[in-house]
Amino acid sequence: MSTKEKVLEEVKIEELLGNQNVIVLFNDDVNTFDHVIETLVKVCDHEPLQAEQCAFIVHYKGKCEVKTGEMKDLVPMCSSLLDAGLSAEIQ
């Protein structure tokens, strides 16, 4: 693959991801792992293992990106996470 083709490919990927927003989940001292996992499965349509991994990342790193997408899809999800007592925001 030539350099010209490689650069063109990278631009296309950035264009596809450029207008995506992300829900970031933050660590807190209130919610249990089980509650976080169950909420991510229910609200963000995570598989249980994926939700568990996100919960551990949040616990040890302080935050984790849990869902990407268009703003119109993320707003209700983020609201549901907040309603469940989790700390989250759309970036």
N, C-alpha and C. Protein backbone atom coordinates (compact mmCIF):
# COMPACT_ATOMS: atom_id res chain seq x y z
N MET A 1 0.86 -1.18 0.00
CA MET A 1 0.00 0.00 0.00
C MET A 1 0.90 1.23 0.00
N SER A 2 0.66 2.13 -0.89
CA SER A 2 1.46 3.33 -0.97
C SER A 2 1.07 4.32 0.14
N THR A 3 1.92 5.29 0.37
CA THR A 3 1.65 6.30 1.39
C THR A 3 0.39 7.07 1.07
N LYS A 4 0.19 7.39 -0.20
CA LYS A 4 -0.99 8.13 -0.62
C LYS A 4 -2.26 7.35 -0.27
N GLU A 5 -2.29 6.06 -0.53
CA GLU A 5 -3.47 5.25 -0.21
C GLU A 5 -3.69 5.16 1.30
N LYS A 6 -2.62 5.04 2.06
CA LYS A 6 -2.72 4.93 3.51
C LYS A 6 -3.31 6.21 4.11
N VAL A 7 -2.86 7.36 3.68
CA VAL A 7 -3.38 8.63 4.17
C VAL A 7 -4.85 8.78 3.82
N LEU A 8 -5.23 8.42 2.62
CA LEU A 8 -6.63 8.50 2.20
C LEU A 8 -7.50 7.60 3.06
N GLU A 9 -7.02 6.41 3.39
CA GLU A 9 -7.77 5.48 4.23
C GLU A 9 -7.97 6.06 5.63
N GLU A 10 -6.95 6.67 6.21
CA GLU A 10 -7.05 7.26 7.53
C GLU A 10 -8.06 8.40 7.57
N VAL A 11 -8.11 9.20 6.54
CA VAL A 11 -9.06 10.31 6.47
C VAL A 11 -10.48 9.78 6.46
N LYS A 12 -10.73 8.73 5.70
CA LYS A 12 -12.06 8.17 5.63
C LYS A 12 -12.52 7.65 6.99
N ILE A 13 -11.65 7.01 7.73
CA ILE A 13 -11.99 6.51 9.06
C ILE A 13 -12.30 7.67 9.98
N GLU A 14 -11.50 8.73 9.95
CA GLU A 14 -11.77 9.89 10.79
C GLU A 14 -13.10 10.54 10.43
N GLU A 15 -13.42 10.59 9.14
CA GLU A 15 -14.70 11.16 8.73
C GLU A 15 -15.86 10.35 9.29
N LEU A 16 -15.72 9.04 9.30
CA LEU A 16 -16.79 8.19 9.82
C LEU A 16 -16.97 8.38 11.32
N LEU A 17 -15.89 8.58 12.04
CA LEU A 17 -15.96 8.70 13.49
C LEU A 17 -16.05 10.14 13.96
N GLY A 18 -15.81 11.08 13.09
CA GLY A 18 -15.71 12.48 13.47
C GLY A 18 -16.96 13.06 14.09
N ASN A 19 -18.14 12.64 13.67
CA ASN A 19 -19.36 13.23 14.20
C ASN A 19 -19.98 12.38 15.31
N GLN A 20 -19.21 11.45 15.85
CA GLN A 20 -19.70 10.59 16.91
C GLN A 20 -19.45 11.23 18.27
N ASN A 21 -20.41 11.09 19.14
CA ASN A 21 -20.26 11.52 20.52
C ASN A 21 -20.12 10.28 21.38
N VAL A 22 -19.76 10.47 22.63
CA VAL A 22 -19.50 9.34 23.50
C VAL A 22 -20.07 9.60 24.89
N ILE A 23 -20.64 8.57 25.51
CA ILE A 23 -21.05 8.64 26.91
C ILE A 23 -19.86 8.16 27.74
N VAL A 24 -19.46 9.00 28.69
CA VAL A 24 -18.39 8.65 29.60
C VAL A 24 -19.00 8.41 30.97
N LEU A 25 -18.68 7.25 31.54
CA LEU A 25 -19.14 6.88 32.88
C LEU A 25 -18.02 7.15 33.85
N PHE A 26 -18.34 7.80 34.99
CA PHE A 26 -17.34 8.17 35.98
C PHE A 26 -17.49 7.34 37.25
N ASN A 27 -16.38 7.16 37.93
CA ASN A 27 -16.36 6.41 39.17
C ASN A 27 -17.05 7.20 40.29
N ASP A 28 -17.65 6.47 41.20
CA ASP A 28 -18.20 7.09 42.41
C ASP A 28 -18.04 6.10 43.56
N ASP A 29 -18.32 6.54 44.75
CA ASP A 29 -18.18 5.69 45.93
C ASP A 29 -19.53 5.16 46.41
N VAL A 30 -20.55 5.27 45.58
CA VAL A 30 -21.91 4.95 46.00
C VAL A 30 -22.40 3.64 45.40
N ASN A 31 -22.25 3.48 44.10
CA ASN A 31 -22.85 2.35 43.40
C ASN A 31 -21.99 1.09 43.46
N THR A 32 -22.66 -0.06 43.55
CA THR A 32 -21.97 -1.34 43.57
C THR A 32 -21.62 -1.77 42.15
N PHE A 33 -20.68 -2.70 42.05
CA PHE A 33 -20.34 -3.25 40.74
C PHE A 33 -21.57 -3.86 40.08
N ASP A 34 -22.34 -4.60 40.85
CA ASP A 34 -23.53 -5.26 40.30
C ASP A 34 -24.52 -4.26 39.73
N HIS A 35 -24.73 -3.15 40.45
CA HIS A 35 -25.66 -2.13 39.96
C HIS A 35 -25.15 -1.51 38.65
N VAL A 36 -23.86 -1.19 38.60
CA VAL A 36 -23.28 -0.60 37.39
C VAL A 36 -23.41 -1.58 36.22
N ILE A 37 -23.07 -2.84 36.45
CA ILE A 37 -23.12 -3.85 35.40
C ILE A 37 -24.55 -4.03 34.90
N GLU A 38 -25.49 -4.20 35.82
CA GLU A 38 -26.89 -4.38 35.43
C GLU A 38 -27.42 -3.17 34.65
N THR A 39 -27.03 -1.98 35.07
CA THR A 39 -27.50 -0.76 34.40
C THR A 39 -26.92 -0.65 33.00
N LEU A 40 -25.64 -0.97 32.83
CA LEU A 40 -25.03 -0.91 31.50
C LEU A 40 -25.66 -1.93 30.56
N VAL A 41 -25.98 -3.10 31.07
CA VAL A 41 -26.63 -4.12 30.25
C VAL A 41 -28.01 -3.63 29.82
N LYS A 42 -28.75 -3.08 30.77
CA LYS A 42 -30.12 -2.64 30.50
C LYS A 42 -30.18 -1.40 29.61
N VAL A 43 -29.38 -0.40 29.93
CA VAL A 43 -29.47 0.91 29.26
C VAL A 43 -28.66 0.97 27.97
N CYS A 44 -27.43 0.48 28.01
CA CYS A 44 -26.53 0.62 26.87
C CYS A 44 -26.46 -0.63 26.00
N ASP A 45 -27.25 -1.63 26.34
CA ASP A 45 -27.30 -2.87 25.57
C ASP A 45 -25.95 -3.57 25.52
N HIS A 46 -25.20 -3.51 26.64
CA HIS A 46 -23.92 -4.21 26.72
C HIS A 46 -24.17 -5.68 26.99
N GLU A 47 -23.23 -6.49 26.57
CA GLU A 47 -23.19 -7.88 27.00
C GLU A 47 -22.69 -7.87 28.46
N PRO A 48 -23.06 -8.85 29.26
CA PRO A 48 -22.62 -8.84 30.67
C PRO A 48 -21.11 -8.72 30.86
N LEU A 49 -20.34 -9.42 30.04
CA LEU A 49 -18.88 -9.34 30.16
C LEU A 49 -18.37 -7.95 29.81
N GLN A 50 -18.93 -7.35 28.78
CA GLN A 50 -18.54 -5.99 28.39
C GLN A 50 -18.86 -5.01 29.51
N ALA A 51 -20.04 -5.15 30.11
CA ALA A 51 -20.43 -4.26 31.21
C ALA A 51 -19.51 -4.44 32.41
N GLU A 52 -19.14 -5.68 32.69
CA GLU A 52 -18.22 -5.95 33.80
C GLU A 52 -16.86 -5.31 33.55
N GLN A 53 -16.36 -5.42 32.34
CA GLN A 53 -15.07 -4.82 31.99
C GLN A 53 -15.13 -3.30 32.13
N CYS A 54 -16.23 -2.69 31.69
CA CYS A 54 -16.39 -1.24 31.83
C CYS A 54 -16.42 -0.85 33.31
N ALA A 55 -17.10 -1.64 34.13
CA ALA A 55 -17.17 -1.34 35.56
C ALA A 55 -15.78 -1.37 36.19
N PHE A 56 -14.95 -2.34 35.81
CA PHE A 56 -13.59 -2.40 36.35
C PHE A 56 -12.74 -1.25 35.85
N ILE A 57 -12.88 -0.88 34.59
CA ILE A 57 -12.13 0.26 34.05
C ILE A 57 -12.52 1.53 34.80
N VAL A 58 -13.81 1.74 35.00
CA VAL A 58 -14.28 2.92 35.75
C VAL A 58 -13.69 2.91 37.15
N HIS A 59 -13.70 1.76 37.80
CA HIS A 59 -13.21 1.66 39.17
C HIS A 59 -11.72 2.00 39.26
N TYR A 60 -10.93 1.45 38.35
CA TYR A 60 -9.48 1.61 38.44
C TYR A 60 -8.94 2.84 37.72
N LYS A 61 -9.60 3.29 36.66
CA LYS A 61 -9.11 4.44 35.89
C LYS A 61 -9.89 5.73 36.19
N GLY A 62 -11.06 5.60 36.81
CA GLY A 62 -11.85 6.78 37.14
C GLY A 62 -12.93 7.12 36.14
N LYS A 63 -12.80 6.61 34.91
CA LYS A 63 -13.82 6.85 33.89
C LYS A 63 -13.65 5.85 32.77
N CYS A 64 -14.72 5.72 31.97
CA CYS A 64 -14.69 4.79 30.84
C CYS A 64 -15.72 5.24 29.82
N GLU A 65 -15.34 5.19 28.54
CA GLU A 65 -16.30 5.46 27.47
C GLU A 65 -17.15 4.21 27.31
N VAL A 66 -18.47 4.35 27.51
CA VAL A 66 -19.33 3.18 27.50
C VAL A 66 -20.22 3.07 26.26
N LYS A 67 -20.39 4.15 25.52
CA LYS A 67 -21.24 4.09 24.32
C LYS A 67 -20.87 5.24 23.39
N THR A 68 -20.77 4.95 22.11
CA THR A 68 -20.57 5.99 21.11
C THR A 68 -21.76 6.00 20.17
N GLY A 69 -22.01 7.15 19.58
CA GLY A 69 -23.12 7.24 18.64
C GLY A 69 -23.52 8.67 18.41
N GLU A 70 -24.67 8.82 17.78
CA GLU A 70 -25.20 10.15 17.51
C GLU A 70 -25.87 10.69 18.77
N MET A 71 -25.86 12.00 18.88
CA MET A 71 -26.39 12.67 20.07
C MET A 71 -27.84 12.27 20.34
N LYS A 72 -28.65 12.16 19.30
CA LYS A 72 -30.06 11.83 19.49
C LYS A 72 -30.26 10.46 20.14
N ASP A 73 -29.31 9.55 19.93
CA ASP A 73 -29.40 8.22 20.53
C ASP A 73 -28.80 8.20 21.94
N LEU A 74 -27.78 9.03 22.16
CA LEU A 74 -27.06 9.00 23.44
C LEU A 74 -27.77 9.75 24.56
N VAL A 75 -28.52 10.80 24.22
CA VAL A 75 -29.17 11.62 25.26
C VAL A 75 -30.10 10.78 26.13
N PRO A 76 -31.01 9.98 25.56
CA PRO A 76 -31.88 9.19 26.44
C PRO A 76 -31.11 8.14 27.25
N MET A 77 -30.05 7.58 26.67
CA MET A 77 -29.24 6.61 27.40
C MET A 77 -28.55 7.26 28.59
N CYS A 78 -27.95 8.41 28.35
CA CYS A 78 -27.25 9.12 29.41
C CYS A 78 -28.24 9.52 30.51
N SER A 79 -29.41 9.96 30.13
CA SER A 79 -30.44 10.32 31.11
C SER A 79 -30.83 9.11 31.96
N SER A 80 -30.93 7.95 31.33
CA SER A 80 -31.26 6.73 32.08
C SER A 80 -30.14 6.33 33.03
N LEU A 81 -28.90 6.52 32.61
CA LEU A 81 -27.78 6.24 33.52
C LEU A 81 -27.81 7.17 34.72
N LEU A 82 -28.09 8.44 34.46
CA LEU A 82 -28.19 9.41 35.55
C LEU A 82 -29.35 9.10 36.48
N ASP A 83 -30.49 8.71 35.90
CA ASP A 83 -31.66 8.34 36.70
C ASP A 83 -31.37 7.13 37.59
N ALA A 84 -30.47 6.26 37.14
CA ALA A 84 -30.11 5.07 37.92
C ALA A 84 -29.07 5.40 38.99
N GLY A 85 -28.67 6.66 39.06
CA GLY A 85 -27.72 7.08 40.10
C GLY A 85 -26.26 7.02 39.70
N LEU A 86 -25.99 6.77 38.42
CA LEU A 86 -24.60 6.72 37.95
C LEU A 86 -24.16 8.12 37.53
N SER A 87 -22.86 8.32 37.50
CA SER A 87 -22.30 9.60 37.08
C SER A 87 -21.82 9.45 35.63
N ALA A 88 -22.48 10.17 34.72
CA ALA A 88 -22.13 10.05 33.30
C ALA A 88 -22.37 11.38 32.61
N GLU A 89 -21.70 11.55 31.49
CA GLU A 89 -21.92 12.73 30.65
C GLU A 89 -21.60 12.39 29.21
N ILE A 90 -22.16 13.17 28.31
CA ILE A 90 -21.88 13.01 26.89
C ILE A 90 -20.79 13.98 26.49
N GLN A 91 -19.81 13.48 25.80
CA GLN A 91 -18.70 14.32 25.34
C GLN A 91 -18.62 14.28 23.84
